[in-house]
Amino acid sequence: MADSKKKRGKADRSRVSGSDPSEVRYFAKKNRMSPAAVRKLIKRVGNSRKKLEAAVKRMRAKKRGKKRKVRRRRRR
């Protein structure tokens, strides 16, 4: 679906529309996130699909790094 209701033509695949529930749901399911988290991410990063996917990748790497540090401290 087009991001702007006024523009008629092909759907813009390079963007994720935060106002379209089906696009938000698809992106959320694809990246194992909640739709609310996707909307927050769109507000923070923008609606470019490449930027959103890069931000998700950074978030996952950051979470993985934190988990590893905790495990290392507990082992003796």
N, C-alpha and C. Protein backbone atom coordinates (compact mmCIF):
# COMPACT_ATOMS: atom_id res chain seq x y z
N MET A 1 0.84 -1.17 0.00
CA MET A 1 0.00 0.00 0.00
C MET A 1 0.89 1.25 0.00
N ALA A 2 0.48 2.28 -0.65
CA ALA A 2 1.26 3.51 -0.73
C ALA A 2 1.32 4.19 0.63
N ASP A 3 2.43 4.88 0.90
CA ASP A 3 2.58 5.58 2.17
C ASP A 3 1.69 6.81 2.24
N SER A 4 1.48 7.47 1.14
CA SER A 4 0.63 8.65 1.09
C SER A 4 -0.66 8.29 0.37
N LYS A 5 -1.78 8.63 0.96
CA LYS A 5 -3.08 8.29 0.35
C LYS A 5 -3.32 9.10 -0.92
N LYS A 6 -2.66 10.26 -1.05
CA LYS A 6 -2.87 11.12 -2.21
C LYS A 6 -2.12 10.60 -3.43
N LYS A 7 -0.98 9.96 -3.23
CA LYS A 7 -0.20 9.45 -4.34
C LYS A 7 -0.79 8.13 -4.82
N ARG A 8 -1.09 8.08 -6.09
CA ARG A 8 -1.66 6.87 -6.66
C ARG A 8 -0.62 6.25 -7.57
N GLY A 9 -0.37 5.00 -7.42
CA GLY A 9 0.62 4.33 -8.26
C GLY A 9 1.13 3.10 -7.55
N LYS A 10 2.33 2.70 -7.90
CA LYS A 10 2.92 1.50 -7.31
C LYS A 10 3.16 1.69 -5.81
N ALA A 11 3.10 0.61 -5.08
CA ALA A 11 3.41 0.65 -3.65
C ALA A 11 4.91 0.88 -3.47
N ASP A 12 5.26 1.61 -2.45
CA ASP A 12 6.66 1.91 -2.19
C ASP A 12 7.20 0.83 -1.25
N ARG A 13 7.95 -0.11 -1.79
CA ARG A 13 8.45 -1.25 -1.02
C ARG A 13 9.63 -0.90 -0.12
N SER A 14 10.25 0.24 -0.37
CA SER A 14 11.44 0.60 0.41
C SER A 14 11.08 1.29 1.73
N ARG A 15 9.80 1.48 1.99
CA ARG A 15 9.36 2.16 3.21
C ARG A 15 8.31 1.33 3.95
N VAL A 16 8.25 1.53 5.27
CA VAL A 16 7.24 0.87 6.10
C VAL A 16 6.32 1.96 6.63
N SER A 17 5.06 1.86 6.30
CA SER A 17 4.10 2.86 6.73
C SER A 17 3.66 2.57 8.17
N GLY A 18 3.93 3.50 9.07
CA GLY A 18 3.55 3.33 10.47
C GLY A 18 2.05 3.41 10.68
N SER A 19 1.34 4.01 9.73
CA SER A 19 -0.11 4.17 9.87
C SER A 19 -0.88 2.98 9.29
N ASP A 20 -0.21 2.11 8.57
CA ASP A 20 -0.86 0.94 7.96
C ASP A 20 -0.64 -0.27 8.87
N PRO A 21 -1.69 -0.74 9.54
CA PRO A 21 -1.54 -1.86 10.48
C PRO A 21 -0.97 -3.13 9.86
N SER A 22 -1.30 -3.40 8.59
CA SER A 22 -0.82 -4.64 7.97
C SER A 22 0.70 -4.58 7.74
N GLU A 23 1.22 -3.42 7.37
CA GLU A 23 2.67 -3.30 7.18
C GLU A 23 3.41 -3.40 8.50
N VAL A 24 2.86 -2.76 9.53
CA VAL A 24 3.49 -2.82 10.86
C VAL A 24 3.48 -4.25 11.38
N ARG A 25 2.36 -4.94 11.22
CA ARG A 25 2.24 -6.33 11.67
C ARG A 25 3.22 -7.24 10.94
N TYR A 26 3.35 -7.05 9.62
CA TYR A 26 4.27 -7.87 8.83
C TYR A 26 5.71 -7.66 9.29
N PHE A 27 6.11 -6.39 9.45
CA PHE A 27 7.48 -6.10 9.88
C PHE A 27 7.72 -6.65 11.28
N ALA A 28 6.73 -6.53 12.15
CA ALA A 28 6.86 -7.04 13.52
C ALA A 28 7.02 -8.55 13.53
N LYS A 29 6.22 -9.24 12.75
CA LYS A 29 6.29 -10.70 12.71
C LYS A 29 7.61 -11.16 12.10
N LYS A 30 8.04 -10.48 11.06
CA LYS A 30 9.29 -10.83 10.37
C LYS A 30 10.49 -10.71 11.31
N ASN A 31 10.48 -9.69 12.18
CA ASN A 31 11.61 -9.42 13.06
C ASN A 31 11.36 -9.84 14.52
N ARG A 32 10.31 -10.60 14.74
CA ARG A 32 9.96 -11.10 16.09
C ARG A 32 9.90 -9.97 17.12
N MET A 33 9.08 -8.95 16.80
CA MET A 33 8.87 -7.81 17.69
C MET A 33 7.38 -7.58 17.84
N SER A 34 7.02 -6.74 18.79
CA SER A 34 5.61 -6.37 18.93
C SER A 34 5.33 -5.20 17.99
N PRO A 35 4.08 -5.07 17.54
CA PRO A 35 3.74 -3.93 16.68
C PRO A 35 4.01 -2.58 17.36
N ALA A 36 3.81 -2.50 18.67
CA ALA A 36 4.08 -1.25 19.40
C ALA A 36 5.57 -0.91 19.33
N ALA A 37 6.42 -1.92 19.45
CA ALA A 37 7.87 -1.69 19.37
C ALA A 37 8.26 -1.23 17.97
N VAL A 38 7.60 -1.76 16.95
CA VAL A 38 7.89 -1.35 15.57
C VAL A 38 7.50 0.11 15.37
N ARG A 39 6.33 0.51 15.88
CA ARG A 39 5.91 1.91 15.75
C ARG A 39 6.90 2.85 16.44
N LYS A 40 7.38 2.47 17.63
CA LYS A 40 8.38 3.29 18.33
C LYS A 40 9.66 3.39 17.51
N LEU A 41 10.06 2.28 16.92
CA LEU A 41 11.27 2.26 16.10
C LEU A 41 11.11 3.14 14.86
N ILE A 42 9.93 3.12 14.25
CA ILE A 42 9.66 3.97 13.08
C ILE A 42 9.76 5.44 13.47
N LYS A 43 9.24 5.79 14.63
CA LYS A 43 9.32 7.18 15.09
C LYS A 43 10.75 7.60 15.36
N ARG A 44 11.55 6.67 15.90
CA ARG A 44 12.93 6.99 16.26
C ARG A 44 13.86 7.02 15.04
N VAL A 45 13.75 6.03 14.16
CA VAL A 45 14.70 5.86 13.06
C VAL A 45 14.18 6.45 11.74
N GLY A 46 12.89 6.38 11.52
CA GLY A 46 12.30 6.79 10.25
C GLY A 46 11.63 5.59 9.60
N ASN A 47 11.02 5.79 8.45
CA ASN A 47 10.27 4.69 7.85
C ASN A 47 11.00 3.96 6.73
N SER A 48 12.27 4.21 6.56
CA SER A 48 13.06 3.50 5.55
C SER A 48 13.27 2.05 6.01
N ARG A 49 12.94 1.11 5.14
CA ARG A 49 13.05 -0.31 5.50
C ARG A 49 14.49 -0.70 5.82
N LYS A 50 15.46 -0.17 5.05
CA LYS A 50 16.87 -0.49 5.29
C LYS A 50 17.32 0.01 6.66
N LYS A 51 16.94 1.24 7.00
CA LYS A 51 17.32 1.80 8.30
C LYS A 51 16.67 1.03 9.45
N LEU A 52 15.42 0.63 9.27
CA LEU A 52 14.72 -0.12 10.31
C LEU A 52 15.38 -1.48 10.53
N GLU A 53 15.70 -2.17 9.44
CA GLU A 53 16.32 -3.49 9.57
C GLU A 53 17.70 -3.38 10.20
N ALA A 54 18.45 -2.32 9.87
CA ALA A 54 19.76 -2.11 10.49
C ALA A 54 19.61 -1.83 11.99
N ALA A 55 18.60 -1.07 12.36
CA ALA A 55 18.36 -0.76 13.77
C ALA A 55 17.98 -2.02 14.55
N VAL A 56 17.17 -2.88 13.95
CA VAL A 56 16.80 -4.15 14.60
C VAL A 56 18.03 -5.01 14.79
N LYS A 57 18.89 -5.05 13.78
CA LYS A 57 20.12 -5.85 13.85
C LYS A 57 21.02 -5.35 14.98
N ARG A 58 21.15 -4.01 15.10
CA ARG A 58 21.95 -3.42 16.18
C ARG A 58 21.37 -3.75 17.54
N MET A 59 20.04 -3.67 17.65
CA MET A 59 19.38 -3.97 18.93
C MET A 59 19.64 -5.42 19.34
N ARG A 60 19.53 -6.33 18.39
CA ARG A 60 19.76 -7.75 18.71
C ARG A 60 21.20 -8.01 19.11
N ALA A 61 22.15 -7.37 18.42
CA ALA A 61 23.57 -7.55 18.74
C ALA A 61 23.86 -6.98 20.13
N LYS A 62 23.24 -5.87 20.44
CA LYS A 62 23.43 -5.25 21.75
C LYS A 62 22.89 -6.16 22.86
N LYS A 63 21.71 -6.75 22.63
CA LYS A 63 21.12 -7.66 23.62
C LYS A 63 22.00 -8.90 23.81
N ARG A 64 22.49 -9.44 22.70
CA ARG A 64 23.34 -10.63 22.79
C ARG A 64 24.61 -10.33 23.57
N GLY A 65 25.19 -9.18 23.34
CA GLY A 65 26.42 -8.78 24.04
C GLY A 65 26.19 -8.67 25.54
N LYS A 66 25.05 -8.13 25.96
CA LYS A 66 24.75 -8.00 27.38
C LYS A 66 24.59 -9.37 28.03
N LYS A 67 23.92 -10.28 27.35
CA LYS A 67 23.72 -11.62 27.92
C LYS A 67 25.05 -12.33 28.12
N ARG A 68 25.94 -12.20 27.17
CA ARG A 68 27.23 -12.88 27.29
C ARG A 68 28.03 -12.34 28.46
N LYS A 69 28.02 -11.05 28.68
CA LYS A 69 28.77 -10.46 29.78
C LYS A 69 28.25 -10.96 31.12
N VAL A 70 26.95 -11.07 31.26
CA VAL A 70 26.36 -11.55 32.50
C VAL A 70 26.78 -12.99 32.76
N ARG A 71 26.76 -13.81 31.74
CA ARG A 71 27.15 -15.21 31.90
C ARG A 71 28.61 -15.33 32.34
N ARG A 72 29.47 -14.52 31.78
CA ARG A 72 30.89 -14.60 32.12
C ARG A 72 31.14 -14.22 33.58
N ARG A 73 30.42 -13.27 34.09
CA ARG A 73 30.62 -12.84 35.47
C ARG A 73 30.19 -13.91 36.47
N ARG A 74 29.16 -14.65 36.13
CA ARG A 74 28.63 -15.64 37.06
C ARG A 74 29.50 -16.88 37.15
N ARG A 75 30.21 -17.22 36.10
CA ARG A 75 31.06 -18.41 36.10
C ARG A 75 32.36 -18.13 36.88
N ARG A 76 32.80 -19.14 37.60
CA ARG A 76 34.06 -18.97 38.34
C ARG A 76 34.93 -20.18 38.21
